[in-house]
């Protein structure tokens, strides 16, 4: 237990201390109380509470150094599994074999194939795609009576299973945009109008509508970037730019008036008409002309992600122009426009994955690593494992710095 708790082989001193606790607990009670006392000592031990990375004596102040194999094993395990290393990883590291690139790659592939790598979906994908926001969205019941919390949960699970398929099948990460399949249970299938799906079990189905391909066609993303009573082209455009491309628009200036609702005009206006009114003047126009066309091209999806052809009685006009001049004619055209900027998507994905793996925000010092990972992954068809291996083999992941100052 101590070997697992401390994430390293234990020594005689470790065992002696724990056995002393066991004997104390047993003397004052029973065998069980002795075990309980030893376990309590184990879980309050600093080796359990913290992941120590010790500075070697040979590392001068300000010098970079390679972390030990056991420390690398912990970094790797918490990156891919969000938990402590297993016995095989500890054994490999304690033998000093983890520094061998071939052995390291074997361990990474083994760990990705293990069910515990599901935490990459729950934690990394959840954080990057901001799926936690789905729990906060509750559409107005009078406008969207078919929404239930079960449906919201199924929407999130659909996105997680799509991401999981990219990991399990080691797909090109562009499939997050282009995948012509999805995963549905009965509740979600009814929402999408997919027949012959019964029960709570999710199963994989092939999509025929290109507007539903990839992340941008998923109701969870569309619901999360809408308001309780209507769509929000601004939020959808901002999500695409900020979360998927890593190019956030400028922050809005203070005292910007909110978008007027449909009933605030003499006649009921569509969202597009209200947006055009809103951005007629600066400083609104400069920012909105970047975000709005992306969101407007997705207006055929209502606030719950259902397909529609009219908004407030007006035919929906999804036409527009991407900030680079590419024409937009609907959701599928947004996907194609983003694929034309796949370099931004790949770089942003790499930065997000590196930040997650390191447990800190990346900055300009890390950009050489990001560029190297991107270039090497491109040679391997941008497969998911190529990004994981590129990060794990990088100096940022395998090294640290002695930040102590000389006395």
Protein backbone atom coordinates (compact mmCIF):
# COMPACT_ATOMS: atom_id res chain seq x y z
CA UNK A 1 0.00 0.00 0.00
CA UNK A 2 2.80 2.42 0.85
CA UNK A 3 4.45 1.73 -2.52
CA UNK A 4 1.24 2.76 -4.24
CA UNK A 5 0.55 5.68 -1.90
CA UNK A 6 4.05 7.17 -2.16
CA UNK A 7 4.33 6.38 -5.89
CA UNK A 8 7.78 4.83 -5.44
CA UNK A 9 9.47 1.76 -3.96
CA UNK A 10 9.45 1.92 -0.16
CA UNK A 11 12.54 1.57 2.01
CA UNK A 12 13.18 0.10 5.45
CA UNK A 13 12.60 3.47 7.11
CA UNK A 14 9.14 3.74 5.53
CA UNK A 15 8.15 0.28 6.71
CA UNK A 16 9.59 0.76 10.18
CA UNK A 17 7.57 3.94 10.71
CA UNK A 18 4.34 2.35 9.53
CA UNK A 19 4.87 -0.80 11.57
CA UNK A 20 5.45 1.35 14.65
CA UNK A 21 2.05 2.98 14.02
CA UNK A 22 0.51 -0.47 13.53
CA UNK A 23 1.92 -1.77 16.81
CA UNK A 24 0.69 1.32 18.67
CA UNK A 25 -2.82 0.93 17.29
CA UNK A 26 -2.88 -2.80 17.97
CA UNK A 27 -1.64 -2.36 21.55
CA UNK A 28 -4.50 0.01 22.30
CA UNK A 29 -7.15 -1.97 20.47
CA UNK A 30 -7.14 -4.86 17.98
CA UNK A 31 -5.50 -5.97 14.75
CA UNK A 32 -8.02 -3.88 12.79
CA UNK A 33 -7.28 -0.77 14.83
CA UNK A 34 -3.57 -1.32 14.19
CA UNK A 35 -4.16 -1.44 10.44
CA UNK A 36 -6.36 1.67 10.72
CA UNK A 37 -3.65 3.57 12.59
CA UNK A 38 -1.03 2.61 9.99
CA UNK A 39 -3.33 3.71 7.15
CA UNK A 40 -3.98 7.02 8.87
CA UNK A 41 -0.24 7.59 9.17
CA UNK A 42 0.15 6.76 5.49
CA UNK A 43 -2.46 9.20 4.18
CA UNK A 44 -1.18 12.11 6.31
CA UNK A 45 2.39 11.49 5.18
CA UNK A 46 3.64 14.36 3.01
CA UNK A 47 4.83 11.81 0.44
CA UNK A 48 1.16 10.92 -0.11
CA UNK A 49 -0.27 14.45 0.02
CA UNK A 50 2.29 16.10 -2.28
CA UNK A 51 4.08 15.08 -5.45
CA UNK A 52 7.66 16.00 -4.57
CA UNK A 53 10.17 16.61 -7.34
CA UNK A 54 13.55 16.87 -5.66
CA UNK A 55 16.33 19.06 -7.02
CA UNK A 56 19.49 17.00 -7.56
CA UNK A 57 22.64 18.20 -5.82
CA UNK A 58 24.34 18.60 -9.19
CA UNK A 59 21.79 21.19 -10.39
CA UNK A 60 23.11 24.70 -9.83
CA UNK A 61 20.69 27.61 -9.19
CA UNK A 62 18.98 28.60 -12.45
CA UNK A 63 20.00 25.36 -14.17
CA UNK A 64 17.62 23.01 -15.98
CA UNK A 65 17.76 19.35 -15.07
CA UNK A 66 16.03 16.11 -16.02
CA UNK A 67 13.61 14.82 -13.42
CA UNK A 68 13.98 11.26 -12.12
CA UNK A 69 12.24 8.32 -13.74
CA UNK A 70 9.89 7.94 -10.77
CA UNK A 71 8.96 11.62 -10.94
CA UNK A 72 8.41 11.25 -14.68
CA UNK A 73 6.17 8.25 -13.98
CA UNK A 74 3.98 10.41 -11.73
CA UNK A 75 3.81 13.22 -14.28
CA UNK A 76 2.84 10.72 -16.94
CA UNK A 77 0.23 8.97 -14.82
CA UNK A 78 -1.49 12.14 -13.66
CA UNK A 79 -1.47 13.41 -17.25
CA UNK A 80 -3.08 10.35 -18.81
CA UNK A 81 -4.99 8.83 -15.89
CA UNK A 82 -5.44 11.65 -13.34
CA UNK A 83 -4.23 9.24 -10.67
CA UNK A 84 -1.07 7.65 -9.31
CA UNK A 85 1.07 5.30 -11.45
CA UNK A 86 0.25 1.61 -11.41
CA UNK A 87 2.62 -1.18 -10.39
CA UNK A 88 3.98 -1.72 -13.92
CA UNK A 89 4.84 1.94 -14.35
CA UNK A 90 6.46 2.16 -10.90
CA UNK A 91 8.48 -0.98 -11.60
CA UNK A 92 9.65 0.30 -14.98
CA UNK A 93 10.62 3.66 -13.50
CA UNK A 94 12.39 2.16 -10.48
CA UNK A 95 14.55 0.14 -12.89
CA UNK A 96 15.59 3.36 -14.65
CA UNK A 97 14.04 2.28 -17.96
CA UNK A 98 11.53 5.09 -18.42
CA UNK A 99 14.17 7.45 -19.78
CA UNK A 100 14.54 5.11 -22.76
CA UNK A 101 12.37 6.67 -25.54
CA UNK A 102 11.29 3.24 -26.82
CA UNK A 103 10.17 2.08 -23.36
CA UNK A 104 8.50 5.42 -22.70
CA UNK A 105 6.50 5.16 -25.93
CA UNK A 106 5.45 1.60 -25.06
CA UNK A 107 4.19 2.76 -21.68
CA UNK A 108 2.31 5.71 -23.18
CA UNK A 109 0.53 3.49 -25.70
CA UNK A 110 -0.32 0.97 -22.96
CA UNK A 111 -1.75 3.72 -20.78
CA UNK A 112 -3.80 5.24 -23.61
CA UNK A 113 -5.32 1.83 -24.28
CA UNK A 114 -6.20 1.42 -20.60
CA UNK A 115 -9.76 2.39 -19.53
CA UNK A 116 -8.25 4.82 -17.03
CA UNK A 117 -7.37 7.15 -19.91
CA UNK A 118 -11.10 7.96 -19.91
CA UNK A 119 -10.07 10.80 -17.60
CA UNK A 120 -8.63 12.58 -20.64
CA UNK A 121 -12.20 12.79 -21.86
CA UNK A 122 -13.81 13.75 -18.56
CA UNK A 123 -11.11 16.17 -17.45
CA UNK A 124 -9.15 17.47 -20.44
CA UNK A 125 -11.96 17.57 -23.00
CA UNK A 126 -14.38 18.80 -20.35
CA UNK A 127 -12.08 21.69 -19.43
CA UNK A 128 -10.99 22.58 -22.96
CA UNK A 129 -14.49 22.47 -24.49
CA UNK A 130 -16.01 23.98 -21.31
CA UNK A 131 -18.59 21.23 -21.02
CA UNK A 132 -19.23 22.10 -17.39
CA UNK A 133 -21.25 25.02 -18.72
CA UNK A 134 -23.94 22.59 -19.83
CA UNK A 135 -24.99 22.13 -16.20
CA UNK A 136 -25.76 25.83 -15.92
CA UNK A 137 -27.95 26.11 -19.03
CA UNK A 138 -31.70 25.75 -18.54
CA UNK A 139 -33.80 26.82 -21.56
CA UNK A 140 -37.09 28.55 -20.79
CA UNK A 141 -39.68 25.83 -20.36
CA UNK A 142 -42.46 27.72 -22.18
CA UNK A 143 -40.28 28.14 -25.28
CA UNK A 144 -38.50 24.76 -25.09
CA UNK A 145 -40.83 22.35 -23.27
CA UNK A 146 -38.96 19.26 -24.51
CA UNK A 147 -35.78 20.05 -22.58
CA UNK A 148 -35.02 17.91 -19.55
CA UNK A 149 -31.92 17.44 -17.44
CA UNK A 150 -31.64 13.91 -18.82
CA UNK A 151 -31.46 15.36 -22.32
CA UNK A 152 -28.78 17.84 -21.20
CA UNK A 153 -26.75 15.00 -19.68
CA UNK A 154 -27.08 12.98 -22.88
CA UNK A 155 -25.86 15.96 -24.91
CA UNK A 156 -22.70 16.12 -22.83
CA UNK A 157 -22.16 12.37 -23.04
CA UNK A 158 -22.45 12.52 -26.83
CA UNK A 159 -19.54 14.99 -27.00
CA UNK A 160 -17.47 12.93 -24.56
CA UNK A 161 -18.00 9.75 -26.59
CA UNK A 162 -17.00 11.53 -29.80
CA UNK A 163 -13.76 12.67 -28.16
CA UNK A 164 -13.26 9.20 -26.68
CA UNK A 165 -13.54 7.64 -30.14
CA UNK A 166 -10.73 9.90 -31.38
CA UNK A 167 -8.55 8.62 -28.51
CA UNK A 168 -9.49 4.93 -28.73
CA UNK A 169 -9.20 4.73 -32.51
CA UNK A 170 -6.18 7.06 -32.58
CA UNK A 171 -7.84 9.25 -35.18
CA UNK A 172 -6.72 12.47 -36.79
CA UNK A 173 -7.80 15.28 -34.44
CA UNK A 174 -9.46 17.00 -37.41
CA UNK A 175 -12.13 14.31 -37.01
CA UNK A 176 -13.42 16.43 -34.14
CA UNK A 177 -14.71 18.68 -36.94
CA UNK A 178 -15.44 16.17 -39.68
CA UNK A 179 -16.69 12.97 -38.00
CA UNK A 180 -19.75 11.68 -39.86
CA UNK A 181 -20.88 9.62 -36.86
CA UNK A 182 -22.11 10.27 -33.36
CA UNK A 183 -23.38 8.47 -30.26
CA UNK A 184 -26.98 8.63 -29.05
CA UNK A 185 -29.33 7.09 -26.53
CA UNK A 186 -33.11 7.05 -26.85
CA UNK A 187 -33.57 10.55 -25.39
CA UNK A 188 -31.00 12.15 -27.69
CA UNK A 189 -32.12 10.14 -30.72
CA UNK A 190 -35.64 11.54 -30.36
CA UNK A 191 -34.19 15.04 -30.12
CA UNK A 192 -32.30 14.50 -33.39
CA UNK A 193 -35.10 12.58 -35.09
CA UNK A 194 -33.04 9.39 -35.38
CA UNK A 195 -35.32 6.32 -35.48
CA UNK A 196 -35.01 2.85 -33.95
CA UNK A 197 -32.96 3.77 -30.87
CA UNK A 198 -34.47 2.45 -27.65
CA UNK A 199 -33.14 2.54 -24.10
CA UNK A 200 -30.44 4.41 -22.18
CA UNK A 201 -27.45 2.67 -23.82
CA UNK A 202 -25.47 4.88 -26.19
CA UNK A 203 -24.70 3.45 -29.59
CA UNK A 204 -22.81 4.70 -32.59
CA UNK A 205 -24.81 5.91 -35.58
CA UNK A 206 -23.78 7.26 -38.97
CA UNK A 207 -24.90 10.78 -39.86
CA UNK A 208 -26.20 11.74 -43.29
CA UNK A 209 -26.59 15.48 -42.69
CA UNK A 210 -23.20 17.26 -43.05
CA UNK A 211 -24.49 20.07 -40.85
CA UNK A 212 -24.37 17.62 -37.93
CA UNK A 213 -20.77 16.46 -38.50
CA UNK A 214 -18.25 17.00 -35.74
CA UNK A 215 -18.41 19.22 -32.68
CA UNK A 216 -20.21 22.10 -34.39
CA UNK A 217 -23.24 19.94 -35.09
CA UNK A 218 -23.61 18.69 -31.53
CA UNK A 219 -26.58 20.01 -29.57
CA UNK A 220 -24.50 20.23 -26.40
CA UNK A 221 -22.18 22.82 -27.95
CA UNK A 222 -25.12 24.68 -29.49
CA UNK A 223 -27.11 24.71 -26.23
CA UNK A 224 -24.10 25.86 -24.23
CA UNK A 225 -23.56 28.84 -26.56
CA UNK A 226 -27.16 30.03 -26.48
CA UNK A 227 -29.33 32.00 -24.06
CA UNK A 228 -32.31 30.54 -22.17
CA UNK A 229 -34.78 32.18 -24.55
CA UNK A 230 -32.96 32.40 -27.89
CA UNK A 231 -29.81 31.75 -29.83
CA UNK A 232 -26.72 33.92 -29.41
CA UNK A 233 -24.66 34.33 -32.59
CA UNK A 234 -22.14 36.32 -30.55
CA UNK A 235 -21.60 33.52 -28.04
CA UNK A 236 -21.33 30.90 -30.79
CA UNK A 237 -18.89 32.97 -32.80
CA UNK A 238 -16.83 33.75 -29.70
CA UNK A 239 -16.75 30.06 -28.74
CA UNK A 240 -15.41 29.05 -32.14
CA UNK A 241 -12.74 31.74 -32.12
CA UNK A 242 -11.70 31.41 -28.48
CA UNK A 243 -12.11 27.73 -27.62
CA UNK A 244 -11.48 26.00 -30.95
CA UNK A 245 -9.06 28.36 -32.71
CA UNK A 246 -7.43 29.97 -29.69
CA UNK A 247 -7.91 33.49 -31.10
CA UNK A 248 -10.24 35.25 -28.66
CA UNK A 249 -11.86 38.49 -29.81
CA UNK A 250 -11.15 41.69 -27.85
CA UNK A 251 -12.98 42.28 -24.61
CA UNK A 252 -16.12 44.44 -25.05
CA UNK A 253 -15.76 48.06 -23.97
CA UNK A 254 -17.63 49.21 -20.84
CA UNK A 255 -21.23 50.40 -20.98
CA UNK A 256 -22.12 48.52 -24.17
CA UNK A 257 -25.93 48.25 -24.25
CA UNK A 258 -27.34 44.70 -24.36
CA UNK A 259 -28.93 43.32 -27.49
CA UNK A 260 -32.59 44.34 -27.61
CA UNK A 261 -35.10 41.51 -27.43
CA UNK A 262 -37.71 40.84 -30.10
CA UNK A 263 -40.50 42.67 -28.25
CA UNK A 264 -38.49 45.88 -27.87
CA UNK A 265 -39.19 46.90 -31.47
CA UNK A 266 -42.37 48.00 -33.23
CA UNK A 267 -42.41 44.67 -35.04
CA UNK A 268 -40.96 41.31 -34.09
CA UNK A 269 -37.44 41.06 -35.51
CA UNK A 270 -35.26 38.03 -36.12
CA UNK A 271 -31.96 37.66 -34.28
CA UNK A 272 -30.11 38.66 -37.46
CA UNK A 273 -32.10 41.89 -37.75
CA UNK A 274 -31.50 42.73 -34.11
CA UNK A 275 -27.79 42.03 -34.47
CA UNK A 276 -27.59 44.34 -37.48
CA UNK A 277 -29.21 47.10 -35.41
CA UNK A 278 -26.80 46.45 -32.55
CA UNK A 279 -23.61 46.72 -34.59
CA UNK A 280 -24.49 49.75 -36.67
CA UNK A 281 -22.16 51.96 -34.65
CA UNK A 282 -18.69 51.69 -33.19
CA UNK A 283 -17.32 50.36 -30.96
CA UNK A 284 -19.72 47.44 -31.45
CA UNK A 285 -19.09 46.93 -35.15
CA UNK A 286 -15.34 46.21 -35.14
CA UNK A 287 -15.64 43.20 -32.81
CA UNK A 288 -19.01 41.92 -33.94
CA UNK A 289 -18.04 41.75 -37.60
CA UNK A 290 -15.49 39.08 -36.60
CA UNK A 291 -17.77 36.97 -34.39
CA UNK A 292 -21.26 37.46 -35.74
CA UNK A 293 -20.91 35.91 -39.22
CA UNK A 294 -19.76 32.63 -37.66
CA UNK A 295 -22.69 32.58 -35.25
CA UNK A 296 -25.19 33.73 -37.88
CA UNK A 297 -24.14 30.88 -40.16
CA UNK A 298 -25.27 28.52 -37.38
CA UNK A 299 -28.67 30.17 -36.90
CA UNK A 300 -30.50 27.20 -38.38
CA UNK A 301 -29.82 25.53 -35.02
CA UNK A 302 -32.12 26.90 -32.33
CA UNK A 303 -31.14 27.36 -28.69
CA UNK A 304 -31.50 23.61 -28.07
CA UNK A 305 -29.62 22.61 -31.19
CA UNK A 306 -32.74 21.56 -33.13
CA UNK A 307 -32.87 22.34 -36.85
CA UNK A 308 -35.20 25.14 -37.94
CA UNK A 309 -35.84 27.24 -41.04
CA UNK A 310 -37.50 30.31 -39.45
CA UNK A 311 -36.76 32.68 -36.59
CA UNK A 312 -39.63 34.79 -35.20
CA UNK A 313 -41.57 34.01 -38.38
CA UNK A 314 -38.75 35.20 -40.66
CA UNK A 315 -36.86 32.84 -42.99
CA UNK A 316 -33.36 32.29 -41.62
CA UNK A 317 -30.53 33.80 -43.67
CA UNK A 318 -27.29 32.05 -42.66
CA UNK A 319 -25.16 33.83 -45.26
CA UNK A 320 -22.11 35.83 -44.28
CA UNK A 321 -18.38 36.11 -44.64
CA UNK A 322 -15.58 34.73 -42.51
CA UNK A 323 -13.00 37.25 -41.31
CA UNK A 324 -10.67 36.02 -44.07
CA UNK A 325 -13.31 36.61 -46.75
CA UNK A 326 -14.47 32.98 -47.09
CA UNK A 327 -18.24 32.82 -47.79
CA UNK A 328 -20.49 31.28 -45.15
CA UNK A 329 -23.80 29.68 -46.09
CA UNK A 330 -24.65 27.52 -43.10
CA UNK A 331 -23.16 25.25 -40.41
CA UNK A 332 -21.32 23.01 -42.89
CA UNK A 333 -19.59 26.05 -44.40
CA UNK A 334 -18.33 27.07 -40.94
CA UNK A 335 -16.67 23.69 -40.62
CA UNK A 336 -15.03 24.05 -44.03
CA UNK A 337 -13.86 27.56 -43.14
CA UNK A 338 -12.30 26.27 -39.93
CA UNK A 339 -10.55 23.45 -41.77
CA UNK A 340 -8.95 26.13 -43.93
CA UNK A 341 -7.47 27.43 -40.68
CA UNK A 342 -6.60 24.01 -39.32
CA UNK A 343 -3.14 25.28 -38.37
CA UNK A 344 -4.76 27.51 -35.75
CA UNK A 345 -6.89 24.65 -34.46
CA UNK A 346 -3.95 22.23 -34.24
CA UNK A 347 -1.74 24.78 -32.50
CA UNK A 348 -4.47 25.66 -30.02
CA UNK A 349 -5.24 22.00 -29.34
CA UNK A 350 -1.54 21.38 -28.68
CA UNK A 351 -1.27 24.36 -26.33
CA UNK A 352 -4.35 23.24 -24.39
CA UNK A 353 -3.10 19.65 -24.13
CA UNK A 354 0.38 20.79 -23.07
CA UNK A 355 -1.06 23.09 -20.39
CA UNK A 356 -3.19 20.21 -19.10
CA UNK A 357 -0.22 17.83 -19.08
CA UNK A 358 2.04 20.29 -17.27
CA UNK A 359 -0.65 21.47 -14.88
CA UNK A 360 0.11 25.12 -15.58
CA UNK A 361 -0.52 27.89 -18.09
CA UNK A 362 1.84 27.79 -21.07
CA UNK A 363 3.58 30.98 -22.17
CA UNK A 364 5.97 32.13 -24.87
CA UNK A 365 8.80 30.05 -23.38
CA UNK A 366 6.83 26.92 -24.30
CA UNK A 367 6.10 27.89 -27.91
CA UNK A 368 9.17 26.10 -29.37
CA UNK A 369 7.83 22.90 -27.80
CA UNK A 370 4.35 23.58 -29.19
CA UNK A 371 5.75 24.12 -32.69
CA UNK A 372 7.86 20.97 -32.50
CA UNK A 373 4.91 18.84 -31.36
CA UNK A 374 2.73 20.28 -34.15
CA UNK A 375 5.36 19.63 -36.82
CA UNK A 376 6.05 16.07 -35.67
CA UNK A 377 2.35 15.24 -35.36
CA UNK A 378 1.72 16.44 -38.92
CA UNK A 379 4.14 13.75 -40.13
CA UNK A 380 1.95 11.17 -38.34
CA UNK A 381 -1.35 12.32 -39.85
CA UNK A 382 -2.17 14.42 -36.76
CA UNK A 383 -3.18 11.32 -34.83
CA UNK A 384 -4.09 11.83 -31.20
CA UNK A 385 -1.26 9.64 -29.90
CA UNK A 386 1.27 11.75 -31.81
CA UNK A 387 0.36 14.82 -29.73
CA UNK A 388 0.50 12.86 -26.48
CA UNK A 389 3.90 11.37 -27.34
CA UNK A 390 5.24 14.71 -28.54
CA UNK A 391 4.33 16.34 -25.23
CA UNK A 392 5.58 13.47 -23.08
CA UNK A 393 8.96 13.44 -24.86
CA UNK A 394 9.34 17.22 -24.73
CA UNK A 395 11.82 19.05 -22.46
CA UNK A 396 8.88 20.88 -20.85
CA UNK A 397 7.48 17.56 -19.64
CA UNK A 398 10.71 15.74 -18.79
CA UNK A 399 12.71 18.56 -17.25
CA UNK A 400 12.51 21.15 -14.51
CA UNK A 401 14.53 24.15 -13.31
CA UNK A 402 16.31 24.87 -10.07
CA UNK A 403 14.76 28.19 -9.12
CA UNK A 404 16.69 28.49 -5.89
CA UNK A 405 18.99 31.49 -5.58
CA UNK A 406 22.61 31.27 -4.54
CA UNK A 407 23.32 32.17 -0.95
